[in-house]
């Protein structure tokens, strides 16, 4: 409830505004079968962050990093190791759906 409230707040405490202010590479990891938070929000969040990437995991629920640890770790390592994908951000060794999205 607190997270949802933060997205609806007005002013500087708004989560969308905070996301736009991030200045480091961000990897949004989302399960395609998340029943708590609609996966349709994942691309919007990744696009809101200035240097955001999206890893959408098909068949995975709300806790993607626990349900699919290997693809998540590969994506994080790809960013840390600086593989190609943009200035300071990298896509993991995967098939990219678009310049800002990756799939394991």
C-alpha atoms as a PDB file:
ATOM      1  CA  UNK A   1       0.000   0.000   0.000  1.00  0.00           C
ATOM      2  CA  UNK A   2       2.834   2.355   0.829  1.00  0.00           C
ATOM      3  CA  UNK A   3       4.447   1.857  -2.566  1.00  0.00           C
ATOM      4  CA  UNK A   4       1.183   2.520  -4.398  1.00  0.00           C
ATOM      5  CA  UNK A   5       0.620   5.629  -2.283  1.00  0.00           C
ATOM      6  CA  UNK A   6       4.084   6.933  -3.224  1.00  0.00           C
ATOM      7  CA  UNK A   7       3.149   6.784  -6.916  1.00  0.00           C
ATOM      8  CA  UNK A   8       0.014   8.849  -6.264  1.00  0.00           C
ATOM      9  CA  UNK A   9       1.607  11.538  -4.050  1.00  0.00           C
ATOM     10  CA  UNK A  10       1.906  15.062  -5.362  1.00  0.00           C
ATOM     11  CA  UNK A  11       5.171  16.976  -5.218  1.00  0.00           C
ATOM     12  CA  UNK A  12       8.756  15.838  -4.631  1.00  0.00           C
ATOM     13  CA  UNK A  13       7.744  12.682  -2.731  1.00  0.00           C
ATOM     14  CA  UNK A  14       6.136  11.243  -5.890  1.00  0.00           C
ATOM     15  CA  UNK A  15       7.847   7.967  -6.897  1.00  0.00           C
ATOM     16  CA  UNK A  16       7.635   8.725 -10.643  1.00  0.00           C
ATOM     17  CA  UNK A  17       9.394  12.053 -10.064  1.00  0.00           C
ATOM     18  CA  UNK A  18      12.049  10.310  -7.948  1.00  0.00           C
ATOM     19  CA  UNK A  19      12.602   7.737 -10.717  1.00  0.00           C
ATOM     20  CA  UNK A  20      13.155  10.521 -13.272  1.00  0.00           C
ATOM     21  CA  UNK A  21      15.842  11.947 -10.970  1.00  0.00           C
ATOM     22  CA  UNK A  22      17.986   8.803 -10.823  1.00  0.00           C
ATOM     23  CA  UNK A  23      21.409   9.353 -12.368  1.00  0.00           C
ATOM     24  CA  UNK A  24      22.847   5.841 -12.326  1.00  0.00           C
ATOM     25  CA  UNK A  25      22.188   2.829 -14.534  1.00  0.00           C
ATOM     26  CA  UNK A  26      18.997   1.070 -13.419  1.00  0.00           C
ATOM     27  CA  UNK A  27      17.819  -2.414 -14.280  1.00  0.00           C
ATOM     28  CA  UNK A  28      14.077  -2.921 -13.837  1.00  0.00           C
ATOM     29  CA  UNK A  29      13.501  -6.649 -13.298  1.00  0.00           C
ATOM     30  CA  UNK A  30       9.857  -7.681 -13.614  1.00  0.00           C
ATOM     31  CA  UNK A  31       8.006 -10.962 -13.808  1.00  0.00           C
ATOM     32  CA  UNK A  32       5.620 -11.278 -16.718  1.00  0.00           C
ATOM     33  CA  UNK A  33       3.135 -13.129 -14.485  1.00  0.00           C
ATOM     34  CA  UNK A  34       3.321 -10.730 -11.528  1.00  0.00           C
ATOM     35  CA  UNK A  35      -0.092 -10.750  -9.856  1.00  0.00           C
ATOM     36  CA  UNK A  36       0.646  -7.991  -7.339  1.00  0.00           C
ATOM     37  CA  UNK A  37       1.944  -5.268  -9.652  1.00  0.00           C
ATOM     38  CA  UNK A  38       0.775  -5.192 -13.266  1.00  0.00           C
ATOM     39  CA  UNK A  39       3.615  -6.086 -15.672  1.00  0.00           C
ATOM     40  CA  UNK A  40       2.261  -3.402 -18.006  1.00  0.00           C
ATOM     41  CA  UNK A  41       3.920  -0.840 -15.678  1.00  0.00           C
ATOM     42  CA  UNK A  42       7.399  -2.287 -16.275  1.00  0.00           C
ATOM     43  CA  UNK A  43       8.109  -0.554 -19.611  1.00  0.00           C
ATOM     44  CA  UNK A  44       6.796   2.729 -18.237  1.00  0.00           C
ATOM     45  CA  UNK A  45       9.128   2.541 -15.242  1.00  0.00           C
ATOM     46  CA  UNK A  46      12.151   1.610 -17.369  1.00  0.00           C
ATOM     47  CA  UNK A  47      11.386   4.503 -19.736  1.00  0.00           C
ATOM     48  CA  UNK A  48      10.959   6.947 -16.844  1.00  0.00           C
ATOM     49  CA  UNK A  49      14.446   6.323 -15.466  1.00  0.00           C
ATOM     50  CA  UNK A  50      16.939   8.274 -17.635  1.00  0.00           C
ATOM     51  CA  UNK A  51      19.350   5.335 -18.020  1.00  0.00           C
ATOM     52  CA  UNK A  52      16.894   2.496 -17.397  1.00  0.00           C
ATOM     53  CA  UNK A  53      16.845  -1.017 -18.818  1.00  0.00           C
ATOM     54  CA  UNK A  54      14.083  -3.594 -18.600  1.00  0.00           C
ATOM     55  CA  UNK A  55      14.371  -7.320 -18.028  1.00  0.00           C
ATOM     56  CA  UNK A  56      10.882  -8.832 -18.362  1.00  0.00           C
ATOM     57  CA  UNK A  57      10.885 -12.499 -17.408  1.00  0.00           C
ATOM     58  CA  UNK A  58       8.115 -14.587 -18.959  1.00  0.00           C
ATOM     59  CA  UNK A  59       6.423 -17.100 -16.667  1.00  0.00           C
ATOM     60  CA  UNK A  60       7.820 -15.426 -13.545  1.00  0.00           C
ATOM     61  CA  UNK A  61       5.789 -13.840 -10.762  1.00  0.00           C
ATOM     62  CA  UNK A  62       6.285 -10.997  -8.291  1.00  0.00           C
ATOM     63  CA  UNK A  63       9.690 -11.985  -6.888  1.00  0.00           C
ATOM     64  CA  UNK A  64      11.564 -12.369 -10.154  1.00  0.00           C
ATOM     65  CA  UNK A  65      15.065 -12.376  -8.669  1.00  0.00           C
ATOM     66  CA  UNK A  66      14.171 -15.376  -6.492  1.00  0.00           C
ATOM     67  CA  UNK A  67      12.109 -17.188  -9.113  1.00  0.00           C
ATOM     68  CA  UNK A  68      14.642 -16.685 -11.923  1.00  0.00           C
ATOM     69  CA  UNK A  69      18.010 -15.980 -10.262  1.00  0.00           C
ATOM     70  CA  UNK A  70      20.245 -16.909 -13.210  1.00  0.00           C
ATOM     71  CA  UNK A  71      18.793 -14.578 -15.866  1.00  0.00           C
ATOM     72  CA  UNK A  72      18.573 -11.824 -13.252  1.00  0.00           C
ATOM     73  CA  UNK A  73      22.212 -12.299 -12.243  1.00  0.00           C
ATOM     74  CA  UNK A  74      23.340 -12.354 -15.890  1.00  0.00           C
ATOM     75  CA  UNK A  75      21.558  -9.060 -16.517  1.00  0.00           C
ATOM     76  CA  UNK A  76      23.037  -7.418 -13.423  1.00  0.00           C
ATOM     77  CA  UNK A  77      26.529  -8.667 -14.284  1.00  0.00           C
ATOM     78  CA  UNK A  78      26.082  -7.359 -17.813  1.00  0.00           C
ATOM     79  CA  UNK A  79      25.460  -3.890 -16.417  1.00  0.00           C
ATOM     80  CA  UNK A  80      28.336  -4.089 -13.935  1.00  0.00           C
ATOM     81  CA  UNK A  81      30.782  -5.371 -16.528  1.00  0.00           C
ATOM     82  CA  UNK A  82      29.743  -2.644 -18.956  1.00  0.00           C
ATOM     83  CA  UNK A  83      28.625  -4.759 -21.891  1.00  0.00           C
ATOM     84  CA  UNK A  84      27.143  -2.928 -24.874  1.00  0.00           C
ATOM     85  CA  UNK A  85      23.736  -1.338 -24.671  1.00  0.00           C
ATOM     86  CA  UNK A  86      24.237   2.352 -24.113  1.00  0.00           C
ATOM     87  CA  UNK A  87      26.429   4.816 -22.220  1.00  0.00           C
ATOM     88  CA  UNK A  88      27.274   3.204 -18.898  1.00  0.00           C
ATOM     89  CA  UNK A  89      24.554   0.576 -19.182  1.00  0.00           C
ATOM     90  CA  UNK A  90      24.682  -2.835 -20.697  1.00  0.00           C
ATOM     91  CA  UNK A  91      22.388  -5.513 -21.897  1.00  0.00           C
ATOM     92  CA  UNK A  92      23.159  -9.012 -20.719  1.00  0.00           C
ATOM     93  CA  UNK A  93      24.044 -11.590 -23.322  1.00  0.00           C
ATOM     94  CA  UNK A  94      20.453 -12.013 -24.456  1.00  0.00           C
ATOM     95  CA  UNK A  95      18.130 -11.347 -27.356  1.00  0.00           C
ATOM     96  CA  UNK A  96      16.963  -7.749 -27.189  1.00  0.00           C
ATOM     97  CA  UNK A  97      13.345  -6.958 -28.033  1.00  0.00           C
ATOM     98  CA  UNK A  98      14.094  -3.268 -28.416  1.00  0.00           C
ATOM     99  CA  UNK A  99      17.029  -0.981 -27.638  1.00  0.00           C
ATOM    100  CA  UNK A 100      15.774  -0.613 -24.056  1.00  0.00           C
ATOM    101  CA  UNK A 101      14.500  -4.140 -23.347  1.00  0.00           C
ATOM    102  CA  UNK A 102      16.218  -7.456 -22.814  1.00  0.00           C
ATOM    103  CA  UNK A 103      14.953 -10.998 -22.485  1.00  0.00           C
ATOM    104  CA  UNK A 104      16.897 -13.959 -21.147  1.00  0.00           C
END
